[in-house]
C-alpha atoms as a PDB file:
ATOM      1  CA  UNK A   1     -10.679  -9.492  30.719  1.00  0.00           C
ATOM      2  CA  UNK A   2      -7.928  -9.010  28.145  1.00  0.00           C
ATOM      3  CA  UNK A   3      -8.869  -7.314  24.924  1.00  0.00           C
ATOM      4  CA  UNK A   4      -6.804  -6.845  21.802  1.00  0.00           C
ATOM      5  CA  UNK A   5      -6.982  -3.883  19.464  1.00  0.00           C
ATOM      6  CA  UNK A   6      -7.397  -4.731  15.789  1.00  0.00           C
ATOM      7  CA  UNK A   7      -8.486  -1.955  13.463  1.00  0.00           C
ATOM      8  CA  UNK A   8      -7.710  -3.794  10.214  1.00  0.00           C
ATOM      9  CA  UNK A   9     -10.592  -3.243   7.785  1.00  0.00           C
ATOM     10  CA  UNK A  10     -12.357  -0.526   9.773  1.00  0.00           C
ATOM     11  CA  UNK A  11     -14.005   1.972   7.426  1.00  0.00           C
ATOM     12  CA  UNK A  12     -12.982   0.029   4.318  1.00  0.00           C
ATOM     13  CA  UNK A  13     -13.957   1.415   0.920  1.00  0.00           C
ATOM     14  CA  UNK A  14     -13.345  -0.643  -2.211  1.00  0.00           C
ATOM     15  CA  UNK A  15     -12.946   0.200  -5.893  1.00  0.00           C
ATOM     16  CA  UNK A  16     -12.540  -1.901  -9.021  1.00  0.00           C
ATOM     17  CA  UNK A  17      -9.656  -1.454 -11.465  1.00  0.00           C
ATOM     18  CA  UNK A  18      -8.260  -3.225 -14.495  1.00  0.00           C
ATOM     19  CA  UNK A  19      -5.055  -5.186 -13.916  1.00  0.00           C
ATOM     20  CA  UNK A  20      -1.971  -4.087 -15.847  1.00  0.00           C
ATOM     21  CA  UNK A  21      -0.435  -6.684 -18.175  1.00  0.00           C
ATOM     22  CA  UNK A  22       3.122  -7.453 -19.223  1.00  0.00           C
ATOM     23  CA  UNK A  23       3.535  -9.403 -22.482  1.00  0.00           C
ATOM     24  CA  UNK A  24      -0.149 -10.359 -22.325  1.00  0.00           C
ATOM     25  CA  UNK A  25       0.052 -11.742 -18.760  1.00  0.00           C
ATOM     26  CA  UNK A  26      -1.741 -10.075 -15.844  1.00  0.00           C
ATOM     27  CA  UNK A  27       0.695  -8.462 -13.387  1.00  0.00           C
ATOM     28  CA  UNK A  28      -1.482  -9.385 -10.382  1.00  0.00           C
ATOM     29  CA  UNK A  29      -2.961 -12.797  -9.563  1.00  0.00           C
ATOM     30  CA  UNK A  30      -4.680 -14.529  -6.676  1.00  0.00           C
ATOM     31  CA  UNK A  31      -1.189 -15.047  -5.196  1.00  0.00           C
ATOM     32  CA  UNK A  32      -0.949 -11.270  -4.670  1.00  0.00           C
ATOM     33  CA  UNK A  33      -4.022 -10.852  -2.451  1.00  0.00           C
ATOM     34  CA  UNK A  34      -3.183  -8.537   0.444  1.00  0.00           C
ATOM     35  CA  UNK A  35      -0.397  -6.802  -1.487  1.00  0.00           C
ATOM     36  CA  UNK A  36       0.161  -3.064  -1.692  1.00  0.00           C
ATOM     37  CA  UNK A  37      -0.724  -1.751  -5.160  1.00  0.00           C
ATOM     38  CA  UNK A  38      -0.379   1.466  -7.155  1.00  0.00           C
ATOM     39  CA  UNK A  39      -2.059   3.024 -10.155  1.00  0.00           C
ATOM     40  CA  UNK A  40      -0.241   2.097 -13.370  1.00  0.00           C
ATOM     41  CA  UNK A  41      -2.564   3.915 -15.806  1.00  0.00           C
ATOM     42  CA  UNK A  42      -6.126   5.224 -15.932  1.00  0.00           C
ATOM     43  CA  UNK A  43      -8.213   2.835 -13.789  1.00  0.00           C
ATOM     44  CA  UNK A  44      -5.404   0.253 -13.898  1.00  0.00           C
ATOM     45  CA  UNK A  45      -3.262  -1.214 -11.087  1.00  0.00           C
ATOM     46  CA  UNK A  46      -0.077  -3.178 -10.528  1.00  0.00           C
ATOM     47  CA  UNK A  47       2.624  -3.333  -7.824  1.00  0.00           C
ATOM     48  CA  UNK A  48       3.998   0.052  -8.878  1.00  0.00           C
ATOM     49  CA  UNK A  49       7.665   0.945  -8.672  1.00  0.00           C
ATOM     50  CA  UNK A  50       9.946   1.228  -5.655  1.00  0.00           C
ATOM     51  CA  UNK A  51       9.103   4.453  -3.812  1.00  0.00           C
ATOM     52  CA  UNK A  52       5.817   4.895  -5.674  1.00  0.00           C
ATOM     53  CA  UNK A  53       2.481   6.081  -4.352  1.00  0.00           C
ATOM     54  CA  UNK A  54       0.339   3.544  -2.507  1.00  0.00           C
ATOM     55  CA  UNK A  55      -3.212   3.255  -3.846  1.00  0.00           C
ATOM     56  CA  UNK A  56      -4.368   0.531  -1.484  1.00  0.00           C
ATOM     57  CA  UNK A  57      -4.546  -3.179  -0.659  1.00  0.00           C
ATOM     58  CA  UNK A  58      -5.418  -5.837  -3.248  1.00  0.00           C
ATOM     59  CA  UNK A  59      -8.492  -7.724  -2.024  1.00  0.00           C
ATOM     60  CA  UNK A  60      -9.755  -9.710  -5.042  1.00  0.00           C
ATOM     61  CA  UNK A  61      -8.741 -10.536  -8.620  1.00  0.00           C
ATOM     62  CA  UNK A  62     -10.704 -12.138 -11.427  1.00  0.00           C
ATOM     63  CA  UNK A  63     -11.275 -11.780 -15.172  1.00  0.00           C
ATOM     64  CA  UNK A  64      -8.598  -9.088 -15.464  1.00  0.00           C
ATOM     65  CA  UNK A  65     -10.159  -6.955 -12.720  1.00  0.00           C
ATOM     66  CA  UNK A  66      -8.885  -6.114  -9.253  1.00  0.00           C
ATOM     67  CA  UNK A  67     -10.821  -5.025  -6.176  1.00  0.00           C
ATOM     68  CA  UNK A  68      -8.672  -2.694  -4.092  1.00  0.00           C
ATOM     69  CA  UNK A  69      -9.282  -1.307  -0.614  1.00  0.00           C
ATOM     70  CA  UNK A  70      -8.684   2.423  -1.154  1.00  0.00           C
ATOM     71  CA  UNK A  71      -9.845   3.856   2.202  1.00  0.00           C
ATOM     72  CA  UNK A  72     -10.132   2.823   5.827  1.00  0.00           C
ATOM     73  CA  UNK A  73      -7.514   0.899   7.813  1.00  0.00           C
ATOM     74  CA  UNK A  74      -5.510  -1.675   5.837  1.00  0.00           C
ATOM     75  CA  UNK A  75      -2.727  -3.993   6.986  1.00  0.00           C
ATOM     76  CA  UNK A  76       0.372  -4.233   4.798  1.00  0.00           C
ATOM     77  CA  UNK A  77       3.523  -6.337   4.898  1.00  0.00           C
ATOM     78  CA  UNK A  78       6.702  -4.347   5.515  1.00  0.00           C
ATOM     79  CA  UNK A  79       9.776  -4.501   3.327  1.00  0.00           C
ATOM     80  CA  UNK A  80      12.367  -5.383   5.976  1.00  0.00           C
ATOM     81  CA  UNK A  81      15.241  -4.219   3.751  1.00  0.00           C
ATOM     82  CA  UNK A  82      13.916  -0.649   3.832  1.00  0.00           C
ATOM     83  CA  UNK A  83      13.249   1.820   6.648  1.00  0.00           C
ATOM     84  CA  UNK A  84      10.312   0.676   8.755  1.00  0.00           C
ATOM     85  CA  UNK A  85       7.653   3.287   9.481  1.00  0.00           C
ATOM     86  CA  UNK A  86       6.654   4.368  12.953  1.00  0.00           C
ATOM     87  CA  UNK A  87       3.257   5.553  14.107  1.00  0.00           C
ATOM     88  CA  UNK A  88       2.372   8.771  12.297  1.00  0.00           C
ATOM     89  CA  UNK A  89       4.483   8.119   9.173  1.00  0.00           C
ATOM     90  CA  UNK A  90       3.207   7.890   5.632  1.00  0.00           C
ATOM     91  CA  UNK A  91       4.275   4.943   3.477  1.00  0.00           C
ATOM     92  CA  UNK A  92       5.253   4.131  -0.115  1.00  0.00           C
ATOM     93  CA  UNK A  93       5.228   0.893  -2.111  1.00  0.00           C
ATOM     94  CA  UNK A  94       8.345  -1.163  -2.781  1.00  0.00           C
ATOM     95  CA  UNK A  95       7.201  -2.359  -6.215  1.00  0.00           C
ATOM     96  CA  UNK A  96       6.789  -5.941  -4.956  1.00  0.00           C
ATOM     97  CA  UNK A  97       3.647  -5.746  -2.804  1.00  0.00           C
ATOM     98  CA  UNK A  98       5.086  -4.373   0.452  1.00  0.00           C
ATOM     99  CA  UNK A  99       5.427  -0.910   1.979  1.00  0.00           C
ATOM    100  CA  UNK A 100       8.042   1.084   3.862  1.00  0.00           C
ATOM    101  CA  UNK A 101       8.492   4.537   5.397  1.00  0.00           C
ATOM    102  CA  UNK A 102       8.042   7.346   2.884  1.00  0.00           C
ATOM    103  CA  UNK A 103      11.167   9.419   2.261  1.00  0.00           C
ATOM    104  CA  UNK A 104      11.642  12.573   4.277  1.00  0.00           C
ATOM    105  CA  UNK A 105      10.876  15.913   2.680  1.00  0.00           C
ATOM    106  CA  UNK A 106      14.102  17.710   1.814  1.00  0.00           C
ATOM    107  CA  UNK A 107      14.984  20.637   4.094  1.00  0.00           C
ATOM    108  CA  UNK A 108      13.898  23.948   2.591  1.00  0.00           C
ATOM    109  CA  UNK A 109      11.512  22.191   0.225  1.00  0.00           C
ATOM    110  CA  UNK A 110       7.836  21.407   0.451  1.00  0.00           C
ATOM    111  CA  UNK A 111       8.325  18.106  -1.360  1.00  0.00           C
ATOM    112  CA  UNK A 112      11.215  15.810  -2.238  1.00  0.00           C
ATOM    113  CA  UNK A 113      12.420  15.503  -5.826  1.00  0.00           C
ATOM    114  CA  UNK A 114       9.705  13.907  -7.917  1.00  0.00           C
ATOM    115  CA  UNK A 115       6.908  14.935  -5.553  1.00  0.00           C
ATOM    116  CA  UNK A 116       5.794  13.587  -2.190  1.00  0.00           C
ATOM    117  CA  UNK A 117       4.697   9.981  -2.649  1.00  0.00           C
ATOM    118  CA  UNK A 118       3.664   9.461   1.020  1.00  0.00           C
ATOM    119  CA  UNK A 119       0.178   8.123   1.599  1.00  0.00           C
ATOM    120  CA  UNK A 120      -1.828   7.410   4.705  1.00  0.00           C
ATOM    121  CA  UNK A 121      -0.894   7.464   8.356  1.00  0.00           C
ATOM    122  CA  UNK A 122       0.566   4.461  10.114  1.00  0.00           C
ATOM    123  CA  UNK A 123      -1.497   3.767  13.242  1.00  0.00           C
ATOM    124  CA  UNK A 124       0.196   0.510  14.344  1.00  0.00           C
ATOM    125  CA  UNK A 125       3.426  -1.366  13.640  1.00  0.00           C
ATOM    126  CA  UNK A 126       3.971  -5.055  14.381  1.00  0.00           C
ATOM    127  CA  UNK A 127       7.739  -5.581  14.366  1.00  0.00           C
ATOM    128  CA  UNK A 128       7.356  -9.320  15.069  1.00  0.00           C
ATOM    129  CA  UNK A 129       5.116 -10.059  12.064  1.00  0.00           C
ATOM    130  CA  UNK A 130       6.593  -7.226   9.949  1.00  0.00           C
ATOM    131  CA  UNK A 131       3.290  -5.502   9.229  1.00  0.00           C
ATOM    132  CA  UNK A 132       1.793  -2.068   9.692  1.00  0.00           C
ATOM    133  CA  UNK A 133      -1.767  -0.799   9.789  1.00  0.00           C
ATOM    134  CA  UNK A 134      -2.302   2.284   7.628  1.00  0.00           C
ATOM    135  CA  UNK A 135      -5.238   4.677   7.795  1.00  0.00           C
ATOM    136  CA  UNK A 136      -5.693   5.317   4.073  1.00  0.00           C
ATOM    137  CA  UNK A 137      -8.107   8.180   4.631  1.00  0.00           C
END
């Protein structure tokens, strides 16, 4: 009997945040479900900026609020123009809803310039579908 391994959603923990706005328009909509998001202010989320810290995966939006998976295993789309992570890597956001391998820590330094934005541990990479499963902790 063949069995597949799929840990997506295991141990999920969710939190609610306000959605950041630009010129009075919400930065996240129903079209962004499944995207990687970051904190933009106190209890507020958006896509973040390229190389920013991953908060989690957008699961629901409505009335200016976002439900975000902040712990457990979450599946994210990979930015194929950036360095793909391998198992054991941490990831960062690309500012457009995807993730990629966190930058390496500079030699002789505990953290790269600007701090270490890496989050989670990649436990699976699907190079065909361009996704990775991240244990958010």
